[in-house]
Amino acid sequence: MIGFMAIGLLCVSNNVIISYIMFALSGFFMYSQYPIYLNIPYELPKMNSQRLTIMFGIFWAFWICDLILYLIFFMEFSIESYGI
């Protein structure tokens, strides 16, 4: 899917039709994985809606913390490189 996106970006100035096809394929493959990852936790033993909510909440909390830490370190190093 990343390859389709890269090919689409490389071809956008030469052939718009190929770019649209590559972007569509990239979007299709991105979407095709999404329902699978949401349905796998339902198949775990002794899983109920409360546990599932907690599991996804922890997942998103770790993702948000990771994003915040990345932005802090990115901003720290980018400011230092400009000598501010």
Protein backbone atom coordinates (compact mmCIF):
# COMPACT_ATOMS: atom_id res chain seq x y z
CA MET A 1 0.00 0.00 0.00
CA ILE A 2 2.90 2.36 0.65
CA GLY A 3 4.36 1.32 -2.68
CA PHE A 4 1.12 2.20 -4.49
CA MET A 5 1.13 5.60 -2.80
CA ALA A 6 4.77 6.21 -3.73
CA ILE A 7 4.17 5.22 -7.36
CA GLY A 8 1.13 7.50 -7.45
CA LEU A 9 3.16 10.42 -6.13
CA LEU A 10 5.95 9.79 -8.62
CA CYS A 11 3.55 9.60 -11.56
CA VAL A 12 1.33 12.56 -10.66
CA SER A 13 3.15 15.01 -12.91
CA ASN A 14 3.41 12.61 -15.87
CA ASN A 15 0.20 10.59 -15.90
CA VAL A 16 -2.74 11.56 -13.71
CA ILE A 17 -4.79 8.46 -14.55
CA ILE A 18 -2.09 6.10 -13.27
CA SER A 19 -1.77 8.25 -10.16
CA TYR A 20 -5.50 7.99 -9.45
CA ILE A 21 -5.39 4.23 -9.96
CA MET A 22 -2.41 3.89 -7.59
CA PHE A 23 -4.10 6.08 -4.95
CA ALA A 24 -7.29 4.02 -5.24
CA LEU A 25 -5.37 0.76 -4.82
CA SER A 26 -3.53 2.20 -1.84
CA GLY A 27 -6.80 3.27 -0.21
CA PHE A 28 -8.39 -0.12 -0.90
CA PHE A 29 -5.54 -2.02 0.74
CA MET A 30 -5.50 0.37 3.70
CA TYR A 31 -9.22 -0.14 4.23
CA SER A 32 -9.11 -3.92 3.72
CA GLN A 33 -6.89 -4.37 6.77
CA TYR A 34 -8.94 -2.13 9.06
CA PRO A 35 -11.97 -4.44 9.62
CA ILE A 36 -9.66 -7.40 10.21
CA TYR A 37 -7.81 -5.67 13.05
CA LEU A 38 -11.09 -4.60 14.64
CA ASN A 39 -12.62 -8.09 14.48
CA ILE A 40 -9.67 -10.11 15.82
CA PRO A 41 -10.12 -8.96 19.45
CA TYR A 42 -13.74 -10.18 19.41
CA GLU A 43 -12.48 -13.71 18.81
CA LEU A 44 -10.28 -13.81 21.92
CA PRO A 45 -11.48 -16.10 24.72
CA LYS A 46 -13.66 -14.51 27.43
CA MET A 47 -13.84 -11.21 25.53
CA ASN A 48 -16.73 -8.87 26.23
CA SER A 49 -17.48 -5.28 25.29
CA GLN A 50 -16.03 -3.83 28.52
CA ARG A 51 -12.67 -5.56 28.06
CA LEU A 52 -12.61 -4.60 24.41
CA THR A 53 -13.20 -0.94 25.26
CA ILE A 54 -10.38 -0.99 27.81
CA MET A 55 -8.05 -2.71 25.34
CA PHE A 56 -8.66 -0.15 22.60
CA GLY A 57 -8.45 2.69 25.12
CA ILE A 58 -5.01 1.51 26.21
CA PHE A 59 -3.95 1.16 22.58
CA TRP A 60 -5.01 4.72 21.72
CA ALA A 61 -3.49 6.11 24.94
CA PHE A 62 -0.10 4.59 24.08
CA TRP A 63 -0.40 5.90 20.53
CA ILE A 64 -1.23 9.43 21.70
CA CYS A 65 1.62 9.39 24.26
CA ASP A 66 4.01 8.21 21.57
CA LEU A 67 2.84 10.99 19.25
CA ILE A 68 3.26 13.65 21.95
CA LEU A 69 6.76 12.43 22.85
CA TYR A 70 7.74 12.38 19.18
CA LEU A 71 6.50 15.93 18.69
CA ILE A 72 8.32 17.16 21.81
CA PHE A 73 11.64 15.63 20.75
CA PHE A 74 11.15 16.70 17.12
CA MET A 75 10.46 20.28 18.15
CA GLU A 76 13.40 20.21 20.59
CA PHE A 77 15.91 19.11 17.97
CA SER A 78 14.51 21.31 15.21
CA ILE A 79 14.73 24.40 17.44
CA GLU A 80 18.30 23.55 18.42
CA SER A 81 19.33 23.17 14.80
CA TYR A 82 18.23 26.75 14.10
CA GLY A 83 20.21 28.07 17.07
CA ILE A 84 17.20 29.47 18.91
